[in-house]
Amino acid sequence: THGRFIAANLEKGTGPASNHYFSNLVGL
């Protein structure tokens, strides 16, 4: 369930990505 949530809510906007997006990737 947690993986599904992360995959559906990646924190990568239109600008430069941040450590939030990197943490999403490490979690996945």
mmCIF file of all heavy atoms, coordinates in Angstrom:
data_MODEL
# 
_entry.id   MODEL 
# 
loop_
_atom_site.group_PDB 
_atom_site.id 
_atom_site.type_symbol 
_atom_site.label_atom_id 
_atom_site.label_alt_id 
_atom_site.label_comp_id 
_atom_site.label_asym_id 
_atom_site.label_entity_id 
_atom_site.label_seq_id 
_atom_site.pdbx_PDB_ins_code 
_atom_site.Cartn_x 
_atom_site.Cartn_y 
_atom_site.Cartn_z 
_atom_site.occupancy 
_atom_site.B_iso_or_equiv 
_atom_site.pdbx_formal_charge 
_atom_site.auth_seq_id 
_atom_site.auth_comp_id 
_atom_site.auth_asym_id 
_atom_site.auth_atom_id 
_atom_site.pdbx_PDB_model_num 
ATOM 1   N N   . THR A 1 1  ? 0.831  -1.204 0.000   1.00 0.00 ? 1  THR A N   1 
ATOM 2   C CA  . THR A 1 1  ? 0.000  0.000  0.000   1.00 0.00 ? 1  THR A CA  1 
ATOM 3   C C   . THR A 1 1  ? 0.864  1.252  0.000   1.00 0.00 ? 1  THR A C   1 
ATOM 4   O O   . THR A 1 1  ? 0.579  2.217  -0.711  1.00 0.00 ? 1  THR A O   1 
ATOM 5   C CB  . THR A 1 1  ? -0.944 -0.002 1.222   1.00 0.00 ? 1  THR A CB  1 
ATOM 6   O OG1 . THR A 1 1  ? -1.760 -1.180 1.159   1.00 0.00 ? 1  THR A OG1 1 
ATOM 7   C CG2 . THR A 1 1  ? -1.825 1.223  1.238   1.00 0.00 ? 1  THR A CG2 1 
ATOM 8   N N   . HIS A 1 2  ? 1.931  1.240  0.793   1.00 0.00 ? 2  HIS A N   1 
ATOM 9   C CA  . HIS A 1 2  ? 2.811  2.401  0.863   1.00 0.00 ? 2  HIS A CA  1 
ATOM 10  C C   . HIS A 1 2  ? 3.481  2.648  -0.486  1.00 0.00 ? 2  HIS A C   1 
ATOM 11  O O   . HIS A 1 2  ? 3.574  3.791  -0.944  1.00 0.00 ? 2  HIS A O   1 
ATOM 12  C CB  . HIS A 1 2  ? 3.855  2.200  1.964   1.00 0.00 ? 2  HIS A CB  1 
ATOM 13  C CG  . HIS A 1 2  ? 4.607  3.434  2.302   1.00 0.00 ? 2  HIS A CG  1 
ATOM 14  N ND1 . HIS A 1 2  ? 4.021  4.523  2.901   1.00 0.00 ? 2  HIS A ND1 1 
ATOM 15  C CD2 . HIS A 1 2  ? 5.893  3.768  2.101   1.00 0.00 ? 2  HIS A CD2 1 
ATOM 16  C CE1 . HIS A 1 2  ? 4.926  5.480  3.059   1.00 0.00 ? 2  HIS A CE1 1 
ATOM 17  N NE2 . HIS A 1 2  ? 6.076  5.041  2.578   1.00 0.00 ? 2  HIS A NE2 1 
ATOM 18  N N   . GLY A 1 3  ? 3.927  1.593  -1.148  1.00 0.00 ? 3  GLY A N   1 
ATOM 19  C CA  . GLY A 1 3  ? 4.534  1.721  -2.469  1.00 0.00 ? 3  GLY A CA  1 
ATOM 20  C C   . GLY A 1 3  ? 3.561  2.285  -3.482  1.00 0.00 ? 3  GLY A C   1 
ATOM 21  O O   . GLY A 1 3  ? 3.928  3.127  -4.306  1.00 0.00 ? 3  GLY A O   1 
ATOM 22  N N   . ARG A 1 4  ? 2.325  1.832  -3.427  1.00 0.00 ? 4  ARG A N   1 
ATOM 23  C CA  . ARG A 1 4  ? 1.299  2.366  -4.338  1.00 0.00 ? 4  ARG A CA  1 
ATOM 24  C C   . ARG A 1 4  ? 1.091  3.858  -4.108  1.00 0.00 ? 4  ARG A C   1 
ATOM 25  O O   . ARG A 1 4  ? 0.941  4.626  -5.060  1.00 0.00 ? 4  ARG A O   1 
ATOM 26  C CB  . ARG A 1 4  ? -0.017 1.616  -4.151  1.00 0.00 ? 4  ARG A CB  1 
ATOM 27  C CG  . ARG A 1 4  ? 0.022  0.214  -4.666  1.00 0.00 ? 4  ARG A CG  1 
ATOM 28  C CD  . ARG A 1 4  ? -1.320 -0.489 -4.496  1.00 0.00 ? 4  ARG A CD  1 
ATOM 29  N NE  . ARG A 1 4  ? -1.149 -1.890 -4.825  1.00 0.00 ? 4  ARG A NE  1 
ATOM 30  C CZ  . ARG A 1 4  ? -1.395 -2.896 -3.992  1.00 0.00 ? 4  ARG A CZ  1 
ATOM 31  N NH1 . ARG A 1 4  ? -1.853 -2.661 -2.777  1.00 0.00 ? 4  ARG A NH1 1 
ATOM 32  N NH2 . ARG A 1 4  ? -1.199 -4.132 -4.374  1.00 0.00 ? 4  ARG A NH2 1 
ATOM 33  N N   . PHE A 1 5  ? 1.087  4.254  -2.833  1.00 0.00 ? 5  PHE A N   1 
ATOM 34  C CA  . PHE A 1 5  ? 0.904  5.671  -2.528  1.00 0.00 ? 5  PHE A CA  1 
ATOM 35  C C   . PHE A 1 5  ? 2.067  6.494  -3.075  1.00 0.00 ? 5  PHE A C   1 
ATOM 36  O O   . PHE A 1 5  ? 1.868  7.534  -3.703  1.00 0.00 ? 5  PHE A O   1 
ATOM 37  C CB  . PHE A 1 5  ? 0.768  5.892  -1.019  1.00 0.00 ? 5  PHE A CB  1 
ATOM 38  C CG  . PHE A 1 5  ? 0.574  7.337  -0.665  1.00 0.00 ? 5  PHE A CG  1 
ATOM 39  C CD1 . PHE A 1 5  ? -0.690 7.899  -0.676  1.00 0.00 ? 5  PHE A CD1 1 
ATOM 40  C CD2 . PHE A 1 5  ? 1.666  8.152  -0.356  1.00 0.00 ? 5  PHE A CD2 1 
ATOM 41  C CE1 . PHE A 1 5  ? -0.872 9.244  -0.377  1.00 0.00 ? 5  PHE A CE1 1 
ATOM 42  C CE2 . PHE A 1 5  ? 1.492  9.490  -0.059  1.00 0.00 ? 5  PHE A CE2 1 
ATOM 43  C CZ  . PHE A 1 5  ? 0.216  10.040 -0.068  1.00 0.00 ? 5  PHE A CZ  1 
ATOM 44  N N   . ILE A 1 6  ? 3.297  6.038  -2.825  1.00 0.00 ? 6  ILE A N   1 
ATOM 45  C CA  . ILE A 1 6  ? 4.470  6.770  -3.316  1.00 0.00 ? 6  ILE A CA  1 
ATOM 46  C C   . ILE A 1 6  ? 4.421  6.875  -4.836  1.00 0.00 ? 6  ILE A C   1 
ATOM 47  O O   . ILE A 1 6  ? 4.604  7.956  -5.401  1.00 0.00 ? 6  ILE A O   1 
ATOM 48  C CB  . ILE A 1 6  ? 5.782  6.087  -2.870  1.00 0.00 ? 6  ILE A CB  1 
ATOM 49  C CG1 . ILE A 1 6  ? 5.953  6.151  -1.359  1.00 0.00 ? 6  ILE A CG1 1 
ATOM 50  C CG2 . ILE A 1 6  ? 6.981  6.741  -3.567  1.00 0.00 ? 6  ILE A CG2 1 
ATOM 51  C CD1 . ILE A 1 6  ? 7.107  5.302  -0.838  1.00 0.00 ? 6  ILE A CD1 1 
ATOM 52  N N   . ALA A 1 7  ? 4.174  5.747  -5.512  1.00 0.00 ? 7  ALA A N   1 
ATOM 53  C CA  . ALA A 1 7  ? 4.166  5.728  -6.975  1.00 0.00 ? 7  ALA A CA  1 
ATOM 54  C C   . ALA A 1 7  ? 3.106  6.669  -7.545  1.00 0.00 ? 7  ALA A C   1 
ATOM 55  O O   . ALA A 1 7  ? 3.320  7.294  -8.591  1.00 0.00 ? 7  ALA A O   1 
ATOM 56  C CB  . ALA A 1 7  ? 3.947  4.308  -7.477  1.00 0.00 ? 7  ALA A CB  1 
ATOM 57  N N   . ALA A 1 8  ? 1.986  6.807  -6.861  1.00 0.00 ? 8  ALA A N   1 
ATOM 58  C CA  . ALA A 1 8  ? 0.902  7.661  -7.336  1.00 0.00 ? 8  ALA A CA  1 
ATOM 59  C C   . ALA A 1 8  ? 1.101  9.127  -6.962  1.00 0.00 ? 8  ALA A C   1 
ATOM 60  O O   . ALA A 1 8  ? 0.387  9.995  -7.475  1.00 0.00 ? 8  ALA A O   1 
ATOM 61  C CB  . ALA A 1 8  ? -0.432 7.172  -6.775  1.00 0.00 ? 8  ALA A CB  1 
ATOM 62  N N   . ASN A 1 9  ? 2.053  9.407  -6.077  1.00 0.00 ? 9  ASN A N   1 
ATOM 63  C CA  . ASN A 1 9  ? 2.235  10.772 -5.566  1.00 0.00 ? 9  ASN A CA  1 
ATOM 64  C C   . ASN A 1 9  ? 3.690  11.205 -5.596  1.00 0.00 ? 9  ASN A C   1 
ATOM 65  O O   . ASN A 1 9  ? 4.173  11.835 -4.645  1.00 0.00 ? 9  ASN A O   1 
ATOM 66  C CB  . ASN A 1 9  ? 1.691  10.875 -4.140  1.00 0.00 ? 9  ASN A CB  1 
ATOM 67  C CG  . ASN A 1 9  ? 0.208  10.650 -4.077  1.00 0.00 ? 9  ASN A CG  1 
ATOM 68  O OD1 . ASN A 1 9  ? -0.572 11.527 -4.413  1.00 0.00 ? 9  ASN A OD1 1 
ATOM 69  N ND2 . ASN A 1 9  ? -0.196 9.453  -3.687  1.00 0.00 ? 9  ASN A ND2 1 
ATOM 70  N N   . LEU A 1 10 ? 4.408  10.889 -6.662  1.00 0.00 ? 10 LEU A N   1 
ATOM 71  C CA  . LEU A 1 10 ? 5.805  11.286 -6.758  1.00 0.00 ? 10 LEU A CA  1 
ATOM 72  C C   . LEU A 1 10 ? 5.926  12.799 -6.651  1.00 0.00 ? 10 LEU A C   1 
ATOM 73  O O   . LEU A 1 10 ? 5.159  13.534 -7.269  1.00 0.00 ? 10 LEU A O   1 
ATOM 74  C CB  . LEU A 1 10 ? 6.410  10.793 -8.072  1.00 0.00 ? 10 LEU A CB  1 
ATOM 75  C CG  . LEU A 1 10 ? 6.554  9.284  -8.199  1.00 0.00 ? 10 LEU A CG  1 
ATOM 76  C CD1 . LEU A 1 10 ? 6.980  8.922  -9.606  1.00 0.00 ? 10 LEU A CD1 1 
ATOM 77  C CD2 . LEU A 1 10 ? 7.538  8.755  -7.181  1.00 0.00 ? 10 LEU A CD2 1 
ATOM 78  N N   . GLU A 1 11 ? 6.887  13.239 -5.870  1.00 0.00 ? 11 GLU A N   1 
ATOM 79  C CA  . GLU A 1 11 ? 7.047  14.672 -5.600  1.00 0.00 ? 11 GLU A CA  1 
ATOM 80  C C   . GLU A 1 11 ? 8.019  15.309 -6.582  1.00 0.00 ? 11 GLU A C   1 
ATOM 81  O O   . GLU A 1 11 ? 9.023  15.905 -6.192  1.00 0.00 ? 11 GLU A O   1 
ATOM 82  C CB  . GLU A 1 11 ? 7.506  14.867 -4.158  1.00 0.00 ? 11 GLU A CB  1 
ATOM 83  C CG  . GLU A 1 11 ? 6.461  14.370 -3.170  1.00 0.00 ? 11 GLU A CG  1 
ATOM 84  C CD  . GLU A 1 11 ? 6.932  14.441 -1.743  1.00 0.00 ? 11 GLU A CD  1 
ATOM 85  O OE1 . GLU A 1 11 ? 6.832  15.539 -1.144  1.00 0.00 ? 11 GLU A OE1 1 
ATOM 86  O OE2 . GLU A 1 11 ? 7.411  13.412 -1.241  1.00 0.00 ? 11 GLU A OE2 1 
ATOM 87  N N   . LYS A 1 12 ? 7.705  15.183 -7.854  1.00 0.00 ? 12 LYS A N   1 
ATOM 88  C CA  . LYS A 1 12 ? 8.520  15.800 -8.896  1.00 0.00 ? 12 LYS A CA  1 
ATOM 89  C C   . LYS A 1 12 ? 7.614  16.735 -9.675  1.00 0.00 ? 12 LYS A C   1 
ATOM 90  O O   . LYS A 1 12 ? 6.739  16.291 -10.412 1.00 0.00 ? 12 LYS A O   1 
ATOM 91  C CB  . LYS A 1 12 ? 9.118  14.745 -9.816  1.00 0.00 ? 12 LYS A CB  1 
ATOM 92  C CG  . LYS A 1 12 ? 10.030 15.343 -10.857 1.00 0.00 ? 12 LYS A CG  1 
ATOM 93  C CD  . LYS A 1 12 ? 10.707 14.287 -11.696 1.00 0.00 ? 12 LYS A CD  1 
ATOM 94  C CE  . LYS A 1 12 ? 11.679 14.968 -12.642 1.00 0.00 ? 12 LYS A CE  1 
ATOM 95  N NZ  . LYS A 1 12 ? 12.340 14.009 -13.515 1.00 0.00 ? 12 LYS A NZ  1 
ATOM 96  N N   . GLY A 1 13 ? 7.849  18.007 -9.511  1.00 0.00 ? 13 GLY A N   1 
ATOM 97  C CA  . GLY A 1 13 ? 7.053  18.995 -10.223 1.00 0.00 ? 13 GLY A CA  1 
ATOM 98  C C   . GLY A 1 13 ? 7.666  19.314 -11.575 1.00 0.00 ? 13 GLY A C   1 
ATOM 99  O O   . GLY A 1 13 ? 8.447  18.535 -12.136 1.00 0.00 ? 13 GLY A O   1 
ATOM 100 N N   . THR A 1 14 ? 7.341  20.468 -12.074 1.00 0.00 ? 14 THR A N   1 
ATOM 101 C CA  . THR A 1 14 ? 7.857  20.874 -13.378 1.00 0.00 ? 14 THR A CA  1 
ATOM 102 C C   . THR A 1 14 ? 9.234  21.515 -13.273 1.00 0.00 ? 14 THR A C   1 
ATOM 103 O O   . THR A 1 14 ? 9.960  21.571 -14.247 1.00 0.00 ? 14 THR A O   1 
ATOM 104 C CB  . THR A 1 14 ? 6.892  21.865 -14.050 1.00 0.00 ? 14 THR A CB  1 
ATOM 105 O OG1 . THR A 1 14 ? 6.669  22.972 -13.157 1.00 0.00 ? 14 THR A OG1 1 
ATOM 106 C CG2 . THR A 1 14 ? 5.566  21.191 -14.365 1.00 0.00 ? 14 THR A CG2 1 
ATOM 107 N N   . GLY A 1 15 ? 9.607  21.990 -12.095 1.00 0.00 ? 15 GLY A N   1 
ATOM 108 C CA  . GLY A 1 15 ? 10.923 22.595 -11.901 1.00 0.00 ? 15 GLY A CA  1 
ATOM 109 C C   . GLY A 1 15 ? 11.937 21.553 -11.485 1.00 0.00 ? 15 GLY A C   1 
ATOM 110 O O   . GLY A 1 15 ? 11.711 20.349 -11.635 1.00 0.00 ? 15 GLY A O   1 
ATOM 111 N N   . PRO A 1 16 ? 13.051 22.019 -10.925 1.00 0.00 ? 16 PRO A N   1 
ATOM 112 C CA  . PRO A 1 16 ? 14.069 21.060 -10.461 1.00 0.00 ? 16 PRO A CA  1 
ATOM 113 C C   . PRO A 1 16 ? 13.495 20.168 -9.363  1.00 0.00 ? 16 PRO A C   1 
ATOM 114 O O   . PRO A 1 16 ? 12.726 20.617 -8.525  1.00 0.00 ? 16 PRO A O   1 
ATOM 115 C CB  . PRO A 1 16 ? 15.181 21.952 -9.904  1.00 0.00 ? 16 PRO A CB  1 
ATOM 116 C CG  . PRO A 1 16 ? 14.888 23.328 -10.366 1.00 0.00 ? 16 PRO A CG  1 
ATOM 117 C CD  . PRO A 1 16 ? 13.439 23.397 -10.712 1.00 0.00 ? 16 PRO A CD  1 
ATOM 118 N N   . ALA A 1 17 ? 13.858 18.914 -9.406  1.00 0.00 ? 17 ALA A N   1 
ATOM 119 C CA  . ALA A 1 17 ? 13.402 17.983 -8.370  1.00 0.00 ? 17 ALA A CA  1 
ATOM 120 C C   . ALA A 1 17 ? 14.151 18.286 -7.074  1.00 0.00 ? 17 ALA A C   1 
ATOM 121 O O   . ALA A 1 17 ? 15.117 19.043 -7.055  1.00 0.00 ? 17 ALA A O   1 
ATOM 122 C CB  . ALA A 1 17 ? 13.645 16.553 -8.820  1.00 0.00 ? 17 ALA A CB  1 
ATOM 123 N N   . SER A 1 18 ? 13.721 17.658 -6.013  1.00 0.00 ? 18 SER A N   1 
ATOM 124 C CA  . SER A 1 18 ? 14.332 17.928 -4.714  1.00 0.00 ? 18 SER A CA  1 
ATOM 125 C C   . SER A 1 18 ? 14.605 16.618 -3.993  1.00 0.00 ? 18 SER A C   1 
ATOM 126 O O   . SER A 1 18 ? 14.362 15.537 -4.514  1.00 0.00 ? 18 SER A O   1 
ATOM 127 C CB  . SER A 1 18 ? 13.381 18.792 -3.872  1.00 0.00 ? 18 SER A CB  1 
ATOM 128 O OG  . SER A 1 18 ? 12.250 18.012 -3.490  1.00 0.00 ? 18 SER A OG  1 
ATOM 129 N N   . ASN A 1 19 ? 15.071 16.755 -2.766  1.00 0.00 ? 19 ASN A N   1 
ATOM 130 C CA  . ASN A 1 19 ? 15.323 15.573 -1.954  1.00 0.00 ? 19 ASN A CA  1 
ATOM 131 C C   . ASN A 1 19 ? 14.024 14.809 -1.685  1.00 0.00 ? 19 ASN A C   1 
ATOM 132 O O   . ASN A 1 19 ? 14.067 13.624 -1.404  1.00 0.00 ? 19 ASN A O   1 
ATOM 133 C CB  . ASN A 1 19 ? 16.051 15.945 -0.660  1.00 0.00 ? 19 ASN A CB  1 
ATOM 134 C CG  . ASN A 1 19 ? 15.323 16.986 0.130   1.00 0.00 ? 19 ASN A CG  1 
ATOM 135 O OD1 . ASN A 1 19 ? 14.202 16.761 0.576   1.00 0.00 ? 19 ASN A OD1 1 
ATOM 136 N ND2 . ASN A 1 19 ? 15.933 18.136 0.315   1.00 0.00 ? 19 ASN A ND2 1 
ATOM 137 N N   . HIS A 1 20 ? 12.884 15.454 -1.802  1.00 0.00 ? 20 HIS A N   1 
ATOM 138 C CA  . HIS A 1 20 ? 11.607 14.763 -1.628  1.00 0.00 ? 20 HIS A CA  1 
ATOM 139 C C   . HIS A 1 20 ? 11.450 13.691 -2.708  1.00 0.00 ? 20 HIS A C   1 
ATOM 140 O O   . HIS A 1 20 ? 11.088 12.554 -2.420  1.00 0.00 ? 20 HIS A O   1 
ATOM 141 C CB  . HIS A 1 20 ? 10.425 15.735 -1.715  1.00 0.00 ? 20 HIS A CB  1 
ATOM 142 C CG  . HIS A 1 20 ? 10.380 16.721 -0.608  1.00 0.00 ? 20 HIS A CG  1 
ATOM 143 N ND1 . HIS A 1 20 ? 9.396  16.708 0.354   1.00 0.00 ? 20 HIS A ND1 1 
ATOM 144 C CD2 . HIS A 1 20 ? 11.191 17.754 -0.296  1.00 0.00 ? 20 HIS A CD2 1 
ATOM 145 C CE1 . HIS A 1 20 ? 9.604  17.693 1.214   1.00 0.00 ? 20 HIS A CE1 1 
ATOM 146 N NE2 . HIS A 1 20 ? 10.697 18.340 0.831   1.00 0.00 ? 20 HIS A NE2 1 
ATOM 147 N N   . TYR A 1 21 ? 11.714 14.079 -3.944  1.00 0.00 ? 21 TYR A N   1 
ATOM 148 C CA  . TYR A 1 21 ? 11.612 13.135 -5.056  1.00 0.00 ? 21 TYR A CA  1 
ATOM 149 C C   . TYR A 1 21 ? 12.640 12.023 -4.897  1.00 0.00 ? 21 TYR A C   1 
ATOM 150 O O   . TYR A 1 21 ? 12.329 10.855 -5.127  1.00 0.00 ? 21 TYR A O   1 
ATOM 151 C CB  . TYR A 1 21 ? 11.795 13.869 -6.386  1.00 0.00 ? 21 TYR A CB  1 
ATOM 152 C CG  . TYR A 1 21 ? 11.705 12.974 -7.598  1.00 0.00 ? 21 TYR A CG  1 
ATOM 153 C CD1 . TYR A 1 21 ? 10.557 12.240 -7.863  1.00 0.00 ? 21 TYR A CD1 1 
ATOM 154 C CD2 . TYR A 1 21 ? 12.769 12.877 -8.486  1.00 0.00 ? 21 TYR A CD2 1 
ATOM 155 C CE1 . TYR A 1 21 ? 10.463 11.420 -8.975  1.00 0.00 ? 21 TYR A CE1 1 
ATOM 156 C CE2 . TYR A 1 21 ? 12.686 12.057 -9.602  1.00 0.00 ? 21 TYR A CE2 1 
ATOM 157 C CZ  . TYR A 1 21 ? 11.530 11.337 -9.841  1.00 0.00 ? 21 TYR A CZ  1 
ATOM 158 O OH  . TYR A 1 21 ? 11.454 10.524 -10.945 1.00 0.00 ? 21 TYR A OH  1 
ATOM 159 N N   . PHE A 1 22 ? 13.849 12.380 -4.495  1.00 0.00 ? 22 PHE A N   1 
ATOM 160 C CA  . PHE A 1 22 ? 14.892 11.370 -4.300  1.00 0.00 ? 22 PHE A CA  1 
ATOM 161 C C   . PHE A 1 22 ? 14.459 10.372 -3.225  1.00 0.00 ? 22 PHE A C   1 
ATOM 162 O O   . PHE A 1 22 ? 14.660 9.167  -3.374  1.00 0.00 ? 22 PHE A O   1 
ATOM 163 C CB  . PHE A 1 22 ? 16.221 12.034 -3.943  1.00 0.00 ? 22 PHE A CB  1 
ATOM 164 C CG  . PHE A 1 22 ? 17.404 11.137 -4.146  1.00 0.00 ? 22 PHE A CG  1 
ATOM 165 C CD1 . PHE A 1 22 ? 17.948 10.956 -5.402  1.00 0.00 ? 22 PHE A CD1 1 
ATOM 166 C CD2 . PHE A 1 22 ? 17.978 10.473 -3.082  1.00 0.00 ? 22 PHE A CD2 1 
ATOM 167 C CE1 . PHE A 1 22 ? 19.044 10.118 -5.606  1.00 0.00 ? 22 PHE A CE1 1 
ATOM 168 C CE2 . PHE A 1 22 ? 19.068 9.636  -3.263  1.00 0.00 ? 22 PHE A CE2 1 
ATOM 169 C CZ  . PHE A 1 22 ? 19.604 9.462  -4.528  1.00 0.00 ? 22 PHE A CZ  1 
ATOM 170 N N   . SER A 1 23 ? 13.844 10.861 -2.159  1.00 0.00 ? 23 SER A N   1 
ATOM 171 C CA  . SER A 1 23 ? 13.381 9.947  -1.109  1.00 0.00 ? 23 SER A CA  1 
ATOM 172 C C   . SER A 1 23 ? 12.261 9.057  -1.627  1.00 0.00 ? 23 SER A C   1 
ATOM 173 O O   . SER A 1 23 ? 12.174 7.880  -1.246  1.00 0.00 ? 23 SER A O   1 
ATOM 174 C CB  . SER A 1 23 ? 12.939 10.712 0.143   1.00 0.00 ? 23 SER A CB  1 
ATOM 175 O OG  . SER A 1 23 ? 11.750 11.440 -0.085  1.00 0.00 ? 23 SER A OG  1 
ATOM 176 N N   . ASN A 1 24 ? 11.399 9.568  -2.504  1.00 0.00 ? 24 ASN A N   1 
ATOM 177 C CA  . ASN A 1 24 ? 10.381 8.733  -3.138  1.00 0.00 ? 24 ASN A CA  1 
ATOM 178 C C   . ASN A 1 24 ? 11.039 7.573  -3.883  1.00 0.00 ? 24 ASN A C   1 
ATOM 179 O O   . ASN A 1 24 ? 10.606 6.423  -3.785  1.00 0.00 ? 24 ASN A O   1 
ATOM 180 C CB  . ASN A 1 24 ? 9.548  9.529  -4.140  1.00 0.00 ? 24 ASN A CB  1 
ATOM 181 C CG  . ASN A 1 24 ? 8.706  10.630 -3.563  1.00 0.00 ? 24 ASN A CG  1 
ATOM 182 O OD1 . ASN A 1 24 ? 8.334  11.554 -4.286  1.00 0.00 ? 24 ASN A OD1 1 
ATOM 183 N ND2 . ASN A 1 24 ? 8.373  10.597 -2.287  1.00 0.00 ? 24 ASN A ND2 1 
ATOM 184 N N   . LEU A 1 25 ? 12.081 7.892  -4.636  1.00 0.00 ? 25 LEU A N   1 
ATOM 185 C CA  . LEU A 1 25 ? 12.775 6.876  -5.430  1.00 0.00 ? 25 LEU A CA  1 
ATOM 186 C C   . LEU A 1 25 ? 13.434 5.823  -4.548  1.00 0.00 ? 25 LEU A C   1 
ATOM 187 O O   . LEU A 1 25 ? 13.347 4.622  -4.832  1.00 0.00 ? 25 LEU A O   1 
ATOM 188 C CB  . LEU A 1 25 ? 13.819 7.537  -6.331  1.00 0.00 ? 25 LEU A CB  1 
ATOM 189 C CG  . LEU A 1 25 ? 13.281 8.503  -7.387  1.00 0.00 ? 25 LEU A CG  1 
ATOM 190 C CD1 . LEU A 1 25 ? 14.432 9.216  -8.079  1.00 0.00 ? 25 LEU A CD1 1 
ATOM 191 C CD2 . LEU A 1 25 ? 12.391 7.779  -8.377  1.00 0.00 ? 25 LEU A CD2 1 
ATOM 192 N N   . VAL A 1 26 ? 14.086 6.261  -3.479  1.00 0.00 ? 26 VAL A N   1 
ATOM 193 C CA  . VAL A 1 26 ? 14.746 5.309  -2.582  1.00 0.00 ? 26 VAL A CA  1 
ATOM 194 C C   . VAL A 1 26 ? 13.703 4.405  -1.925  1.00 0.00 ? 26 VAL A C   1 
ATOM 195 O O   . VAL A 1 26 ? 13.900 3.194  -1.794  1.00 0.00 ? 26 VAL A O   1 
ATOM 196 C CB  . VAL A 1 26 ? 15.619 6.037  -1.532  1.00 0.00 ? 26 VAL A CB  1 
ATOM 197 C CG1 . VAL A 1 26 ? 16.202 5.050  -0.526  1.00 0.00 ? 26 VAL A CG1 1 
ATOM 198 C CG2 . VAL A 1 26 ? 16.733 6.821  -2.213  1.00 0.00 ? 26 VAL A CG2 1 
ATOM 199 N N   . GLY A 1 27 ? 12.568 4.977  -1.547  1.00 0.00 ? 27 GLY A N   1 
ATOM 200 C CA  . GLY A 1 27 ? 11.486 4.172  -0.975  1.00 0.00 ? 27 GLY A CA  1 
ATOM 201 C C   . GLY A 1 27 ? 10.962 3.137  -1.955  1.00 0.00 ? 27 GLY A C   1 
ATOM 202 O O   . GLY A 1 27 ? 10.747 1.978  -1.593  1.00 0.00 ? 27 GLY A O   1 
ATOM 203 N N   . LEU A 1 28 ? 10.768 3.544  -3.213  1.00 0.00 ? 28 LEU A N   1 
ATOM 204 C CA  . LEU A 1 28 ? 10.290 2.598  -4.222  1.00 0.00 ? 28 LEU A CA  1 
ATOM 205 C C   . LEU A 1 28 ? 11.306 1.501  -4.489  1.00 0.00 ? 28 LEU A C   1 
ATOM 206 O O   . LEU A 1 28 ? 10.942 0.336  -4.689  1.00 0.00 ? 28 LEU A O   1 
ATOM 207 C CB  . LEU A 1 28 ? 9.946  3.330  -5.523  1.00 0.00 ? 28 LEU A CB  1 
ATOM 208 C CG  . LEU A 1 28 ? 8.683  4.188  -5.495  1.00 0.00 ? 28 LEU A CG  1 
ATOM 209 C CD1 . LEU A 1 28 ? 8.520  4.932  -6.811  1.00 0.00 ? 28 LEU A CD1 1 
ATOM 210 C CD2 . LEU A 1 28 ? 7.445  3.349  -5.191  1.00 0.00 ? 28 LEU A CD2 1 
# 
